[in-house]
């Protein structure tokens, strides 16, 4: 349930409600809404309405939550949330673009790509230091050395960093080198990992599982929010269907549907979902038209030489053209997208 406080409720009154909820067996989560405080109450306790909370000083109303996901639900927070990564705001009017290689391969490779994606207009650098692969014989990432390279790229370019963590034991280490912690599709329901990243208080990007329903995806996000971390970005990265012409199927309908169910921002990953760079631009435009708050794009300066996911990686000049192609779509839905140099015209490749 949620307890909606009066606009003029005092701090002591809010704390009094939280103490009462804790005594009833609930974990209270304070949410600052527009002009008022809302307290989300989650737990296993059986509640009979009216609860007695309605008569406490400062309380406007008590509302039961029907969805199984509580803190993630629009019932708790009617307006969309903004996730802040420094001065970057995901969920606002601007489409935020995260771009870079699937995997960190070398310092030279990463620094080259970082400079190019920043010049084109990206605000966040993506790159995997730890790589979960279907085959145990495939390149698994540079691990700590890769994290250090990402940190250097951040220092030299000013780009924020998003990278994946694979297990709870590595969360603290990865958190020291990144600005956004990524939970990959295969780990969407790794609940101990979700709790651990939730405890960092850092922004978390949660990818949808390969065959996860929207409710399962949002319930996974609930694990992070239950640790009092509301800095969660959902990423639609494609789901497994009967179709074989693409790597996965980007579920465009999931974007507006998820945004109607949750206040969390939603971004799209057109490269992983399609498995080919050729579909990245049309799928990106479709995602923005459907309401996506950002994009996660794979970029490599030499895709044919990439150690991981080369066929779905865009060369820098193609990435630049992709960003320029997004502008009219973004404007049509009341958004904007940051673009920099047109690398196809400046010889940036």
Protein backbone atom coordinates (compact mmCIF):
# COMPACT_ATOMS: atom_id res chain seq x y z
CA UNK A 1 0.00 0.00 0.00
CA UNK A 2 0.97 3.65 -0.15
CA UNK A 3 0.36 6.39 2.36
CA UNK A 4 -0.13 9.78 0.74
CA UNK A 5 0.85 12.60 3.06
CA UNK A 6 -0.79 16.01 3.05
CA UNK A 7 0.99 18.78 1.19
CA UNK A 8 1.69 20.60 4.44
CA UNK A 9 2.74 17.48 6.39
CA UNK A 10 5.66 18.13 8.72
CA UNK A 11 8.81 16.04 8.93
CA UNK A 12 7.82 14.67 12.35
CA UNK A 13 4.45 13.54 10.98
CA UNK A 14 6.10 11.69 8.12
CA UNK A 15 8.50 10.00 10.53
CA UNK A 16 5.57 9.08 12.77
CA UNK A 17 3.84 7.28 9.92
CA UNK A 18 7.06 5.46 9.03
CA UNK A 19 7.45 4.31 12.65
CA UNK A 20 3.87 3.07 12.68
CA UNK A 21 4.35 1.15 9.44
CA UNK A 22 7.53 -0.47 10.74
CA UNK A 23 5.63 -1.56 13.84
CA UNK A 24 3.02 -3.19 11.59
CA UNK A 25 5.70 -5.28 9.91
CA UNK A 26 6.20 -3.15 6.82
CA UNK A 27 9.38 -1.70 5.31
CA UNK A 28 8.55 1.97 4.67
CA UNK A 29 10.09 3.71 1.66
CA UNK A 30 9.81 7.47 1.49
CA UNK A 31 9.21 8.85 -2.02
CA UNK A 32 9.31 12.58 -2.65
CA UNK A 33 6.52 13.32 -5.09
CA UNK A 34 5.50 16.59 -6.69
CA UNK A 35 4.78 18.84 -3.74
CA UNK A 36 4.17 16.02 -1.26
CA UNK A 37 5.63 12.89 0.29
CA UNK A 38 4.35 9.42 -0.48
CA UNK A 39 5.36 6.47 1.69
CA UNK A 40 5.45 3.07 0.05
CA UNK A 41 4.87 0.20 2.48
CA UNK A 42 5.98 -3.28 1.43
CA UNK A 43 6.01 -6.52 3.35
CA UNK A 44 4.17 -9.75 4.04
CA UNK A 45 1.76 -8.42 6.66
CA UNK A 46 -1.96 -8.96 6.09
CA UNK A 47 -3.75 -5.63 6.14
CA UNK A 48 -7.43 -5.00 6.67
CA UNK A 49 -8.75 -1.65 5.49
CA UNK A 50 -9.22 0.81 7.07
CA UNK A 51 -5.80 0.41 8.69
CA UNK A 52 -5.88 3.08 11.36
CA UNK A 53 -3.22 4.99 9.47
CA UNK A 54 -5.88 7.23 7.99
CA UNK A 55 -6.31 9.12 11.27
CA UNK A 56 -2.63 9.85 11.89
CA UNK A 57 -1.61 13.52 11.71
CA UNK A 58 -0.50 14.59 8.24
CA UNK A 59 -2.02 11.64 6.39
CA UNK A 60 -4.24 12.47 3.42
CA UNK A 61 -5.17 8.94 2.31
CA UNK A 62 -4.10 5.30 2.30
CA UNK A 63 -4.24 3.45 -1.02
CA UNK A 64 -3.84 -0.30 -1.56
CA UNK A 65 -1.53 -1.36 -4.43
CA UNK A 66 -2.98 -4.03 -6.68
CA UNK A 67 0.18 -4.82 -8.69
CA UNK A 68 2.54 -7.52 -7.32
CA UNK A 69 5.42 -5.08 -7.87
CA UNK A 70 4.93 -2.29 -5.35
CA UNK A 71 7.68 0.33 -5.40
CA UNK A 72 8.10 0.04 -9.18
CA UNK A 73 4.41 0.63 -9.85
CA UNK A 74 2.82 3.81 -11.24
CA UNK A 75 0.40 3.46 -8.33
CA UNK A 76 3.24 4.49 -6.01
CA UNK A 77 4.60 7.29 -8.19
CA UNK A 78 2.29 8.70 -10.82
CA UNK A 79 4.91 10.79 -12.62
CA UNK A 80 7.90 9.28 -14.37
CA UNK A 81 11.16 9.08 -12.43
CA UNK A 82 14.38 10.75 -13.52
CA UNK A 83 17.60 8.76 -13.04
CA UNK A 84 20.57 11.08 -12.63
CA UNK A 85 24.07 10.14 -13.74
CA UNK A 86 26.00 13.23 -12.76
CA UNK A 87 24.41 15.99 -14.82
CA UNK A 88 22.79 13.49 -17.22
CA UNK A 89 19.07 12.93 -16.71
CA UNK A 90 17.46 9.74 -18.04
CA UNK A 91 13.69 10.02 -18.27
CA UNK A 92 13.56 13.71 -19.13
CA UNK A 93 13.04 15.44 -22.47
CA UNK A 94 16.44 14.47 -23.87
CA UNK A 95 17.11 11.04 -25.36
CA UNK A 96 20.28 9.74 -23.69
CA UNK A 97 22.58 7.67 -25.89
CA UNK A 98 25.02 5.13 -24.44
CA UNK A 99 27.53 3.84 -26.99
CA UNK A 100 30.76 1.89 -27.25
CA UNK A 101 32.17 -1.58 -27.84
CA UNK A 102 30.60 -4.78 -26.63
CA UNK A 103 33.89 -5.63 -24.90
CA UNK A 104 36.96 -3.71 -23.81
CA UNK A 105 39.73 -5.30 -25.90
CA UNK A 106 42.69 -2.97 -25.37
CA UNK A 107 43.44 0.54 -24.17
CA UNK A 108 44.05 1.76 -27.72
CA UNK A 109 40.75 0.28 -28.93
CA UNK A 110 38.74 1.76 -26.07
CA UNK A 111 40.27 5.24 -26.20
CA UNK A 112 39.78 5.43 -29.96
CA UNK A 113 36.12 4.45 -29.75
CA UNK A 114 35.48 6.67 -26.71
CA UNK A 115 36.74 9.73 -28.55
CA UNK A 116 34.67 8.94 -31.63
CA UNK A 117 31.35 8.26 -29.86
CA UNK A 118 31.75 11.41 -27.76
CA UNK A 119 32.41 13.47 -30.89
CA UNK A 120 29.26 12.03 -32.45
CA UNK A 121 27.09 12.94 -29.45
CA UNK A 122 27.04 10.01 -27.02
CA UNK A 123 26.91 10.90 -23.32
CA UNK A 124 27.72 7.51 -21.78
CA UNK A 125 30.43 5.03 -22.79
CA UNK A 126 29.47 1.37 -22.69
CA UNK A 127 32.03 -1.42 -22.62
CA UNK A 128 32.24 -4.85 -21.05
CA UNK A 129 35.14 -5.72 -18.78
CA UNK A 130 33.41 -8.98 -17.79
CA UNK A 131 31.65 -10.79 -20.64
CA UNK A 132 29.14 -13.60 -20.08
CA UNK A 133 29.34 -15.73 -23.25
CA UNK A 134 27.34 -18.69 -24.46
CA UNK A 135 30.58 -20.60 -25.08
CA UNK A 136 33.22 -21.01 -22.34
CA UNK A 137 35.84 -20.78 -25.08
CA UNK A 138 34.81 -17.30 -26.27
CA UNK A 139 36.55 -14.11 -25.14
CA UNK A 140 35.47 -13.47 -21.54
CA UNK A 141 36.76 -9.92 -21.10
CA UNK A 142 39.82 -8.26 -19.54
CA UNK A 143 38.20 -8.05 -16.08
CA UNK A 144 40.08 -5.70 -13.71
CA UNK A 145 42.38 -4.45 -16.46
CA UNK A 146 39.29 -3.63 -18.51
CA UNK A 147 37.77 -1.71 -15.61
CA UNK A 148 40.95 0.35 -15.28
CA UNK A 149 40.83 1.16 -18.99
CA UNK A 150 37.22 2.29 -18.66
CA UNK A 151 38.22 4.53 -15.78
CA UNK A 152 40.96 6.12 -17.86
CA UNK A 153 38.52 6.69 -20.72
CA UNK A 154 36.19 8.42 -18.28
CA UNK A 155 38.99 10.66 -17.01
CA UNK A 156 40.17 11.63 -20.48
CA UNK A 157 36.82 12.11 -22.23
CA UNK A 158 34.42 13.08 -19.44
CA UNK A 159 32.00 10.38 -20.58
CA UNK A 160 30.11 8.47 -17.90
CA UNK A 161 30.63 4.70 -17.85
CA UNK A 162 28.19 1.78 -17.90
CA UNK A 163 29.54 -1.76 -17.53
CA UNK A 164 28.20 -5.13 -16.48
CA UNK A 165 28.69 -7.02 -13.23
CA UNK A 166 28.25 -10.79 -13.18
CA UNK A 167 28.17 -11.86 -9.54
CA UNK A 168 27.62 -10.37 -6.07
CA UNK A 169 31.28 -10.76 -5.07
CA UNK A 170 32.39 -8.34 -7.79
CA UNK A 171 29.81 -5.60 -7.19
CA UNK A 172 32.00 -3.48 -4.92
CA UNK A 173 34.94 -3.68 -7.33
CA UNK A 174 32.88 -2.80 -10.41
CA UNK A 175 31.14 0.03 -8.54
CA UNK A 176 34.53 1.69 -7.98
CA UNK A 177 35.11 1.99 -11.74
CA UNK A 178 31.70 2.81 -13.19
CA UNK A 179 28.82 5.28 -13.05
CA UNK A 180 26.03 2.85 -13.99
CA UNK A 181 26.03 -0.83 -13.07
CA UNK A 182 24.56 -3.06 -15.76
CA UNK A 183 22.65 -6.24 -15.00
CA UNK A 184 22.60 -8.38 -18.14
CA UNK A 185 19.68 -10.35 -19.51
CA UNK A 186 21.03 -13.66 -18.21
CA UNK A 187 21.25 -12.25 -14.68
CA UNK A 188 17.87 -10.52 -14.59
CA UNK A 189 16.61 -12.99 -11.98
CA UNK A 190 19.87 -13.39 -10.08
CA UNK A 191 18.19 -12.10 -6.93
CA UNK A 192 21.26 -12.03 -4.69
CA UNK A 193 23.02 -9.92 -7.35
CA UNK A 194 20.02 -7.59 -7.62
CA UNK A 195 20.00 -7.03 -3.87
CA UNK A 196 23.74 -6.36 -3.81
CA UNK A 197 23.66 -3.74 -6.59
CA UNK A 198 20.63 -2.21 -4.90
CA UNK A 199 22.66 -1.65 -1.75
CA UNK A 200 25.26 0.42 -3.64
CA UNK A 201 22.74 3.22 -4.19
CA UNK A 202 24.22 3.67 -7.67
CA UNK A 203 22.27 3.90 -10.93
CA UNK A 204 21.50 0.42 -12.25
CA UNK A 205 20.56 -0.57 -15.80
CA UNK A 206 18.45 -3.73 -15.72
CA UNK A 207 18.13 -5.61 -19.00
CA UNK A 208 15.04 -7.69 -19.70
CA UNK A 209 15.62 -11.44 -19.64
CA UNK A 210 15.62 -13.50 -22.83
CA UNK A 211 12.14 -14.87 -22.18
CA UNK A 212 10.90 -12.67 -19.34
CA UNK A 213 7.40 -11.26 -19.15
CA UNK A 214 6.99 -7.59 -18.31
CA UNK A 215 5.78 -8.54 -14.84
CA UNK A 216 8.88 -10.69 -14.23
CA UNK A 217 11.08 -7.82 -15.43
CA UNK A 218 9.40 -5.34 -13.10
CA UNK A 219 9.54 -7.79 -10.20
CA UNK A 220 13.30 -8.05 -10.76
CA UNK A 221 13.52 -4.25 -10.57
CA UNK A 222 11.52 -4.42 -7.34
CA UNK A 223 14.43 -6.26 -5.68
CA UNK A 224 16.66 -3.26 -6.35
CA UNK A 225 14.11 -0.68 -5.21
CA UNK A 226 13.42 -2.72 -2.06
CA UNK A 227 17.01 -1.85 -1.04
CA UNK A 228 16.00 1.85 -1.18
CA UNK A 229 17.69 2.34 -4.54
CA UNK A 230 15.28 4.05 -6.93
CA UNK A 231 18.02 4.77 -9.51
CA UNK A 232 16.95 2.03 -11.92
CA UNK A 233 16.85 2.15 -15.73
CA UNK A 234 15.01 -0.61 -17.57
CA UNK A 235 16.51 -1.81 -20.86
CA UNK A 236 14.46 -3.66 -23.48
CA UNK A 237 17.11 -5.74 -25.30
CA UNK A 238 15.00 -8.16 -27.28
CA UNK A 239 13.36 -11.45 -26.35
CA UNK A 240 13.57 -14.95 -27.76
CA UNK A 241 10.73 -15.83 -30.14
CA UNK A 242 10.21 -18.30 -32.99
CA UNK A 243 11.77 -15.83 -35.47
CA UNK A 244 15.22 -16.80 -36.73
CA UNK A 245 16.02 -13.96 -39.16
CA UNK A 246 17.24 -11.82 -36.27
CA UNK A 247 19.21 -12.66 -33.14
CA UNK A 248 16.22 -11.80 -30.94
CA UNK A 249 13.00 -9.83 -31.38
CA UNK A 250 12.98 -6.23 -30.13
CA UNK A 251 9.65 -5.92 -28.34
CA UNK A 252 8.66 -2.38 -29.33
CA UNK A 253 5.27 -2.76 -27.63
CA UNK A 254 7.07 -3.44 -24.33
CA UNK A 255 8.36 0.14 -24.24
CA UNK A 256 5.02 2.01 -23.96
CA UNK A 257 3.50 -0.87 -22.01
CA UNK A 258 6.28 -0.84 -19.42
CA UNK A 259 6.10 2.95 -19.15
CA UNK A 260 2.38 2.67 -18.39
CA UNK A 261 3.08 0.12 -15.65
CA UNK A 262 6.12 1.71 -13.99
CA UNK A 263 7.54 5.14 -13.26
CA UNK A 264 11.07 3.96 -14.13
CA UNK A 265 12.71 5.15 -17.38
CA UNK A 266 12.99 2.66 -20.24
CA UNK A 267 15.73 2.50 -22.87
CA UNK A 268 16.23 0.15 -25.84
CA UNK A 269 19.14 -1.94 -27.13
CA UNK A 270 18.59 -2.36 -30.90
CA UNK A 271 21.97 -4.00 -31.55
CA UNK A 272 21.67 -6.98 -29.19
CA UNK A 273 18.07 -7.54 -30.18
CA UNK A 274 18.65 -7.63 -33.93
CA UNK A 275 22.19 -9.01 -34.10
CA UNK A 276 23.01 -6.83 -37.09
CA UNK A 277 24.13 -3.22 -37.46
CA UNK A 278 21.81 -2.81 -40.46
CA UNK A 279 18.72 -2.80 -38.23
CA UNK A 280 20.11 -0.53 -35.54
CA UNK A 281 18.90 2.73 -37.13
CA UNK A 282 15.30 1.72 -37.97
CA UNK A 283 14.86 -0.03 -34.62
CA UNK A 284 16.28 3.00 -32.78
CA UNK A 285 13.82 5.30 -34.52
CA UNK A 286 10.97 2.92 -33.73
CA UNK A 287 12.00 2.78 -30.06
CA UNK A 288 12.11 6.57 -29.77
CA UNK A 289 8.71 6.86 -31.45
CA UNK A 290 7.35 4.33 -28.94
CA UNK A 291 8.59 6.40 -25.98
CA UNK A 292 12.08 5.10 -25.14
CA UNK A 293 14.11 7.43 -22.92
CA UNK A 294 17.45 6.37 -24.37
CA UNK A 295 19.42 3.94 -26.49
CA UNK A 296 22.28 1.50 -25.93
CA UNK A 297 24.30 1.21 -29.14
CA UNK A 298 27.31 -0.96 -29.94
CA UNK A 299 30.07 0.93 -31.77
CA UNK A 300 33.46 -0.38 -32.90
CA UNK A 301 36.03 1.41 -35.03
CA UNK A 302 36.88 -1.90 -36.75
CA UNK A 303 33.77 -4.13 -36.51
CA UNK A 304 35.32 -6.88 -38.64
CA UNK A 305 38.14 -7.19 -36.10
CA UNK A 306 35.99 -7.08 -32.95
CA UNK A 307 36.48 -9.89 -30.46
CA UNK A 308 32.79 -9.78 -29.53
CA UNK A 309 29.59 -9.00 -31.48
CA UNK A 310 31.26 -7.42 -34.50
CA UNK A 311 28.30 -8.00 -36.88
CA UNK A 312 25.97 -5.95 -34.68
CA UNK A 313 28.44 -3.12 -34.04
CA UNK A 314 28.21 0.14 -35.95
CA UNK A 315 31.27 1.79 -37.43
CA UNK A 316 31.61 5.35 -36.06
CA UNK A 317 30.37 7.09 -39.22
CA UNK A 318 27.24 4.89 -39.22
CA UNK A 319 26.67 5.69 -35.54
CA UNK A 320 26.93 9.39 -36.32
CA UNK A 321 24.38 9.09 -39.11
CA UNK A 322 22.09 7.13 -36.77
CA UNK A 323 22.05 9.99 -34.26
CA UNK A 324 21.24 12.55 -36.95
CA UNK A 325 18.41 10.32 -38.22
CA UNK A 326 16.84 10.32 -34.76
CA UNK A 327 16.32 14.08 -34.62
CA UNK A 328 13.06 14.36 -36.60
CA UNK A 329 11.56 11.38 -34.77
CA UNK A 330 12.52 12.78 -31.37
CA UNK A 331 11.07 16.19 -32.26
CA UNK A 332 7.83 14.57 -33.43
CA UNK A 333 7.29 13.07 -29.96
CA UNK A 334 8.39 16.16 -28.04
CA UNK A 335 11.91 14.98 -27.26
CA UNK A 336 15.40 15.92 -28.37
CA UNK A 337 18.63 14.06 -29.05
CA UNK A 338 22.20 15.27 -28.69
CA UNK A 339 24.30 15.13 -31.86
CA UNK A 340 27.90 16.16 -32.39
CA UNK A 341 30.14 15.88 -35.41
CA UNK A 342 28.95 14.15 -38.56
CA UNK A 343 31.86 11.72 -38.71
CA UNK A 344 30.88 10.56 -42.18
CA UNK A 345 31.62 14.08 -43.41
CA UNK A 346 34.69 14.88 -41.30
CA UNK A 347 36.63 11.70 -41.97
CA UNK A 348 36.44 10.62 -38.36
CA UNK A 349 36.89 6.94 -39.17
